[in-house]
Amino acid sequence: MTELRTVPSIRATKRRHGGQSLVMVTAYDAPSARVATDADVDLILVGDSVAMVVAGYDDTLHVTIEEMAYHTAAVARTKPSAVVVGDMPWMSFHVSVEDTVTNAASLIRAGAKCVKMEGGAKRIPMIEAILNAEIPVMAHIGLTPQSSNVMGGFKIQGRQAEAVHDLIDEAKQLEACGCFALVIEGVPNAVGKMITDAVDIPTIGIGAGADTDGQVLVYHDIIGLENRFKPRFVRRYGTAYEDQVAALSSYAQDVRTGAFPAENEMYLIKDDLADALGLYGSTAPGERSENDSASVSPNNERNR
């Protein structure tokens, strides 16, 4: 039986203490959550990247807390063994403390076991309020997509010494305020290691090198379903896009040539109804051809 992960079991996982690297997958629906569970991942992040990957937007700023709750519930209904992480979208925690806690609670009620929040030390008051509501928080620093307009796009962070020291300091503050894990996105590999070494909570990297305590990639990128662009940090493990194009092309060809549906893919009419409708014309039942008899055989799938 697959081991059930919990927030405390994730919090206790640190590679330098002998822990195994954490595997997190970003997924948005029940089918992908089932696959992730069968693959035995540790965490499923229901990310605000659904705006880009599924809805077709150019950034993550268009998804609402209601939409995030919808996708979180779809993942949670599969009852995965992984910890379900609900992503707090833009403008769900840039509001009052009360509204922030309410928004976080909506993800928990949808089935998440914790929430993820982008931003560094300036988010600590909101994080503390969420923690006071008994909701575990995963922090997210480095390249924070919700800040893309301020950053001038999706740009690698931590390229100057001062910026690196700021990231390390923020990671320590986020740990001290009670965050149980930390996502590090879009920083040089050495910076990812420095941040990981500076804290005792597990770090999960995406474009942060090989020395974090875990890695996260988007489900669609892993299986090769998303092929419009390939970030440097993505490794594709499948050819789902090409496979689906080939499958649909074969389907279209069979429809156009009449090869689909075949007889065993139809619900065939029963003998008594065929007789009542006069479908055999003047041919008496005993004079039907061999093909006619086969097509109305009572053992045919039509009787299911």
Protein backbone atom coordinates (compact mmCIF):
# COMPACT_ATOMS: atom_id res chain seq x y z
CA MET A 1 0.00 0.00 0.00
CA THR A 2 1.29 3.48 -0.90
CA GLU A 3 2.43 5.46 2.12
CA LEU A 4 0.16 8.36 3.07
CA ARG A 5 2.15 11.58 3.26
CA THR A 6 1.35 14.33 5.76
CA VAL A 7 2.56 17.86 6.36
CA PRO A 8 4.66 16.72 9.38
CA SER A 9 6.26 13.92 7.35
CA ILE A 10 7.18 16.41 4.62
CA ARG A 11 8.49 18.89 7.20
CA ALA A 12 10.80 16.20 8.59
CA THR A 13 12.36 15.45 5.20
CA LYS A 14 15.76 17.06 4.77
CA ARG A 15 18.42 15.51 2.54
CA ARG A 16 21.33 16.43 4.78
CA HIS A 17 19.60 14.55 7.58
CA GLY A 18 19.32 11.43 5.47
CA GLY A 19 15.93 12.15 3.94
CA GLN A 20 15.03 11.11 0.40
CA SER A 21 14.48 13.85 -2.18
CA LEU A 22 10.89 15.04 -2.29
CA VAL A 23 8.89 14.69 -5.50
CA MET A 24 6.24 17.31 -6.18
CA VAL A 25 4.10 17.46 -9.31
CA THR A 26 1.89 20.36 -10.33
CA ALA A 27 -1.47 18.99 -11.47
CA TYR A 28 -4.93 20.46 -11.89
CA ASP A 29 -7.52 17.69 -12.31
CA ALA A 30 -8.61 14.22 -11.24
CA PRO A 31 -7.04 12.19 -14.10
CA SER A 32 -3.58 13.67 -13.57
CA ALA A 33 -3.93 13.34 -9.80
CA ARG A 34 -4.64 9.62 -10.20
CA VAL A 35 -1.57 9.21 -12.38
CA ALA A 36 0.54 11.13 -9.87
CA THR A 37 -0.73 8.89 -7.07
CA ASP A 38 0.08 5.73 -9.04
CA ALA A 39 3.55 7.17 -9.65
CA ASP A 40 3.94 7.58 -5.86
CA VAL A 41 4.76 11.30 -5.72
CA ASP A 42 5.03 13.04 -2.35
CA LEU A 43 3.13 16.26 -3.04
CA ILE A 44 0.62 17.46 -5.63
CA LEU A 45 0.62 21.20 -6.10
CA VAL A 46 -2.60 22.59 -7.53
CA GLY A 47 -0.80 25.58 -8.99
CA ASP A 48 -2.02 28.93 -10.23
CA SER A 49 -0.07 28.04 -13.37
CA VAL A 50 -3.39 26.46 -14.40
CA ALA A 51 -4.04 29.90 -15.89
CA MET A 52 -1.23 29.39 -18.40
CA VAL A 53 -1.19 25.62 -18.85
CA VAL A 54 -4.93 24.94 -19.04
CA ALA A 55 -6.71 28.26 -19.61
CA GLY A 56 -4.24 29.61 -22.18
CA TYR A 57 -3.31 32.92 -20.53
CA ASP A 58 0.17 34.42 -20.82
CA ASP A 59 0.68 34.64 -17.06
CA THR A 60 -0.76 33.41 -13.77
CA LEU A 61 -2.57 36.62 -12.84
CA HIS A 62 -5.94 35.69 -14.32
CA VAL A 63 -6.94 32.84 -12.01
CA THR A 64 -9.19 33.48 -9.01
CA ILE A 65 -9.46 31.86 -5.60
CA GLU A 66 -12.78 30.32 -6.66
CA GLU A 67 -11.13 28.71 -9.68
CA MET A 68 -8.27 27.46 -7.53
CA ALA A 69 -10.75 25.90 -5.11
CA TYR A 70 -12.50 24.20 -8.04
CA HIS A 71 -9.28 22.60 -9.30
CA THR A 72 -8.12 21.74 -5.77
CA ALA A 73 -11.37 19.90 -5.15
CA ALA A 74 -10.99 17.94 -8.39
CA VAL A 75 -7.56 16.73 -7.29
CA ALA A 76 -8.61 16.06 -3.69
CA ARG A 77 -11.60 13.92 -4.70
CA THR A 78 -9.18 11.24 -5.92
CA LYS A 79 -7.96 10.87 -2.31
CA PRO A 80 -4.27 10.87 -3.27
CA SER A 81 -1.57 9.56 -0.97
CA ALA A 82 0.37 12.75 -1.68
CA VAL A 83 -0.07 15.96 0.27
CA VAL A 84 -2.34 18.27 -1.74
CA VAL A 85 -1.00 21.83 -1.80
CA GLY A 86 -3.45 24.60 -2.72
CA ASP A 87 -1.83 27.60 -4.40
CA MET A 88 -2.91 31.05 -3.23
CA PRO A 89 -3.46 33.07 -6.43
CA TRP A 90 -2.75 36.74 -7.00
CA MET A 91 -5.00 39.08 -4.99
CA SER A 92 -6.06 36.31 -2.62
CA PHE A 93 -3.51 37.37 0.03
CA HIS A 94 -2.85 40.97 -1.05
CA VAL A 95 -6.02 41.96 0.79
CA SER A 96 -7.04 42.22 4.44
CA VAL A 97 -5.87 39.68 6.98
CA GLU A 98 -9.44 38.46 7.42
CA ASP A 99 -9.99 37.97 3.68
CA THR A 100 -6.60 36.28 3.35
CA VAL A 101 -7.50 33.71 6.00
CA THR A 102 -10.93 33.18 4.41
CA ASN A 103 -9.31 32.59 1.02
CA ALA A 104 -6.82 30.11 2.48
CA ALA A 105 -9.67 28.32 4.26
CA SER A 106 -11.55 27.94 0.97
CA LEU A 107 -8.66 25.86 -0.39
CA ILE A 108 -8.58 23.72 2.75
CA ARG A 109 -12.33 23.17 2.54
CA ALA A 110 -11.82 22.15 -1.10
CA GLY A 111 -9.46 19.40 0.05
CA ALA A 112 -5.97 20.90 0.28
CA LYS A 113 -3.85 19.92 3.30
CA CYS A 114 -1.86 23.17 3.17
CA VAL A 115 -1.47 26.32 1.07
CA LYS A 116 1.43 27.83 -0.86
CA MET A 117 2.09 31.55 -0.91
CA GLU A 118 4.50 33.52 -3.10
CA GLY A 119 6.71 36.27 -1.70
CA GLY A 120 9.27 36.81 0.99
CA ALA A 121 9.37 38.59 4.32
CA LYS A 122 6.66 41.11 3.46
CA ARG A 123 4.15 38.25 3.40
CA ILE A 124 4.93 37.14 6.95
CA PRO A 125 1.97 38.95 8.60
CA MET A 126 -0.42 37.12 6.28
CA ILE A 127 1.42 33.83 6.75
CA GLU A 128 1.21 34.16 10.52
CA ALA A 129 -2.53 34.82 10.32
CA ILE A 130 -3.03 31.72 8.19
CA LEU A 131 -0.89 29.66 10.57
CA ASN A 132 -2.98 30.94 13.50
CA ALA A 133 -5.99 29.46 11.72
CA GLU A 134 -4.21 26.06 11.88
CA ILE A 135 -3.46 26.03 8.16
CA PRO A 136 0.08 24.91 7.21
CA VAL A 137 1.92 27.19 4.80
CA MET A 138 4.54 26.45 2.14
CA ALA A 139 6.48 29.58 1.13
CA HIS A 140 7.78 30.45 -2.36
CA ILE A 141 10.75 32.73 -3.10
CA GLY A 142 13.06 33.53 -6.01
CA LEU A 143 11.24 33.92 -9.29
CA THR A 144 7.67 34.50 -8.17
CA PRO A 145 5.42 34.52 -11.27
CA GLN A 146 2.77 36.67 -9.62
CA SER A 147 5.41 39.43 -9.49
CA SER A 148 6.30 39.14 -13.17
CA ASN A 149 5.20 42.70 -13.93
CA VAL A 150 7.47 44.09 -11.20
CA MET A 151 10.35 41.83 -12.26
CA GLY A 152 9.96 42.75 -15.91
CA GLY A 153 8.99 39.24 -16.92
CA PHE A 154 9.94 35.72 -15.87
CA LYS A 155 13.56 36.48 -15.02
CA ILE A 156 16.13 34.51 -13.06
CA GLN A 157 16.65 35.94 -9.57
CA GLY A 158 19.70 36.01 -7.30
CA ARG A 159 22.25 37.16 -9.85
CA GLN A 160 23.86 39.76 -7.57
CA ALA A 161 25.45 39.18 -4.16
CA GLU A 162 23.04 41.50 -2.36
CA ALA A 163 20.04 39.76 -3.90
CA VAL A 164 21.42 36.37 -2.84
CA HIS A 165 21.85 37.52 0.75
CA ASP A 166 18.32 38.92 0.71
CA LEU A 167 16.93 35.57 -0.47
CA ILE A 168 18.80 33.67 2.24
CA ASP A 169 17.60 36.13 4.89
CA GLU A 170 14.01 35.84 3.71
CA ALA A 171 14.21 32.04 3.72
CA LYS A 172 15.34 32.14 7.35
CA GLN A 173 12.53 34.52 8.27
CA LEU A 174 9.94 32.34 6.57
CA GLU A 175 11.22 29.30 8.45
CA ALA A 176 11.18 31.22 11.75
CA CYS A 177 7.59 32.34 11.28
CA GLY A 178 6.46 28.72 10.87
CA CYS A 179 6.44 27.74 7.19
CA PHE A 180 6.93 23.97 6.86
CA ALA A 181 8.59 23.99 3.42
CA LEU A 182 9.96 26.41 0.86
CA VAL A 183 9.74 26.48 -2.94
CA ILE A 184 12.77 28.08 -4.63
CA GLU A 185 12.21 29.05 -8.24
CA GLY A 186 14.46 30.41 -10.94
CA VAL A 187 17.81 30.97 -9.22
CA PRO A 188 21.38 29.85 -10.07
CA ASN A 189 22.18 26.36 -8.80
CA ALA A 190 24.69 27.60 -6.21
CA VAL A 191 22.09 29.99 -4.81
CA GLY A 192 19.58 27.16 -4.50
CA LYS A 193 22.15 25.21 -2.49
CA MET A 194 23.00 28.18 -0.27
CA ILE A 195 19.35 28.74 0.61
CA THR A 196 18.82 25.02 1.21
CA ASP A 197 21.85 24.86 3.51
CA ALA A 198 20.67 27.93 5.43
CA VAL A 199 17.35 26.48 6.60
CA ASP A 200 16.16 23.33 8.35
CA ILE A 201 12.85 23.11 6.50
CA PRO A 202 12.84 21.22 3.20
CA THR A 203 13.30 23.19 0.00
CA ILE A 204 11.70 22.23 -3.29
CA GLY A 205 13.34 23.59 -6.39
CA ILE A 206 12.09 24.48 -9.83
CA GLY A 207 14.95 25.81 -11.89
CA ALA A 208 17.04 26.04 -8.71
CA GLY A 209 19.63 23.33 -9.29
CA ALA A 210 20.16 19.82 -7.98
CA ASP A 211 20.93 20.56 -4.33
CA THR A 212 17.47 21.43 -3.05
CA ASP A 213 15.61 18.87 -0.94
CA GLY A 214 13.14 18.14 -3.72
CA GLN A 215 11.99 19.08 -7.20
CA VAL A 216 8.70 20.16 -8.77
CA LEU A 217 7.62 20.21 -12.39
CA VAL A 218 4.27 20.67 -14.10
CA TYR A 219 2.52 17.41 -15.03
CA HIS A 220 2.00 18.56 -18.63
CA ASP A 221 5.72 19.31 -19.03
CA ILE A 222 6.79 15.97 -17.57
CA ILE A 223 4.65 13.87 -19.90
CA GLY A 224 5.31 16.08 -22.92
CA LEU A 225 1.75 17.30 -23.32
CA GLU A 226 2.86 20.93 -23.29
CA ASN A 227 5.18 21.57 -26.23
CA ARG A 228 4.80 25.28 -27.04
CA PHE A 229 8.01 26.08 -25.23
CA LYS A 230 10.51 24.25 -23.04
CA PRO A 231 12.14 26.09 -20.14
CA ARG A 232 15.75 25.17 -19.44
CA PHE A 233 14.80 23.43 -16.18
CA VAL A 234 12.25 21.08 -17.77
CA ARG A 235 13.05 17.50 -18.72
CA ARG A 236 10.35 15.75 -20.73
CA TYR A 237 9.75 12.11 -19.87
CA GLY A 238 7.02 11.42 -22.42
CA THR A 239 5.68 12.31 -25.84
CA ALA A 240 2.03 12.83 -24.90
CA TYR A 241 1.41 15.65 -27.36
CA GLU A 242 2.69 13.72 -30.35
CA ASP A 243 0.92 10.55 -29.19
CA GLN A 244 -2.41 12.36 -28.91
CA VAL A 245 -2.05 14.05 -32.29
CA ALA A 246 -1.35 10.63 -33.84
CA ALA A 247 -4.34 9.05 -32.08
CA LEU A 248 -6.76 11.81 -33.12
CA SER A 249 -5.44 11.77 -36.68
CA SER A 250 -6.10 8.03 -36.87
CA TYR A 251 -9.60 8.56 -35.49
CA ALA A 252 -10.32 11.29 -38.04
CA GLN A 253 -9.08 9.07 -40.88
CA ASP A 254 -11.28 6.16 -39.76
CA VAL A 255 -14.36 8.38 -39.51
CA ARG A 256 -13.79 9.83 -42.96
CA THR A 257 -13.25 6.43 -44.58
CA GLY A 258 -16.12 4.73 -42.74
CA ALA A 259 -13.82 2.40 -40.82
CA PHE A 260 -15.25 3.71 -37.54
CA PRO A 261 -17.50 2.60 -36.01
CA ALA A 262 -17.22 -1.11 -36.77
CA GLU A 263 -20.02 -3.57 -36.04
CA ASN A 264 -18.59 -4.53 -32.66
CA GLU A 265 -18.67 -0.83 -31.70
CA MET A 266 -22.41 -0.47 -32.34
CA TYR A 267 -25.55 -1.36 -30.35
CA LEU A 268 -27.36 -3.64 -32.80
CA ILE A 269 -31.11 -3.96 -32.95
CA LYS A 270 -32.88 -6.98 -31.43
CA ASP A 271 -34.76 -9.43 -33.66
CA ASP A 272 -38.24 -8.67 -32.36
CA LEU A 273 -37.86 -4.92 -32.81
CA ALA A 274 -36.34 -5.39 -36.25
CA ASP A 275 -39.36 -7.51 -37.26
CA ALA A 276 -41.81 -4.98 -35.81
CA LEU A 277 -40.19 -2.18 -37.75
CA GLY A 278 -40.13 -4.21 -40.94
CA LEU A 279 -36.39 -3.74 -41.33
CA TYR A 280 -36.02 -7.02 -43.27
CA GLY A 281 -38.64 -6.19 -45.89
CA SER A 282 -40.31 -9.27 -47.42
CA THR A 283 -37.60 -11.62 -46.26
CA ALA A 284 -38.96 -14.05 -43.72
CA PRO A 285 -36.88 -14.60 -40.56
CA GLY A 286 -35.98 -18.10 -41.69
CA GLU A 287 -34.70 -16.81 -45.02
CA ARG A 288 -32.30 -14.16 -43.67
CA SER A 289 -28.74 -14.27 -44.88
CA GLU A 290 -25.91 -15.46 -42.69
CA ASN A 291 -24.73 -11.85 -42.27
CA ASP A 292 -28.22 -10.74 -41.19
CA SER A 293 -28.36 -13.48 -38.57
CA ALA A 294 -24.97 -12.53 -37.23
CA SER A 295 -25.92 -8.89 -37.00
CA VAL A 296 -28.93 -9.60 -34.78
CA SER A 297 -27.48 -12.44 -32.74
CA PRO A 298 -28.84 -12.36 -29.17
CA ASN A 299 -25.26 -12.84 -27.96
CA ASN A 300 -24.21 -9.56 -29.54
CA GLU A 301 -22.98 -6.69 -27.39
CA ARG A 302 -26.19 -4.77 -28.15
CA ASN A 303 -27.93 -6.78 -25.42
CA ARG A 304 -25.74 -5.45 -22.60
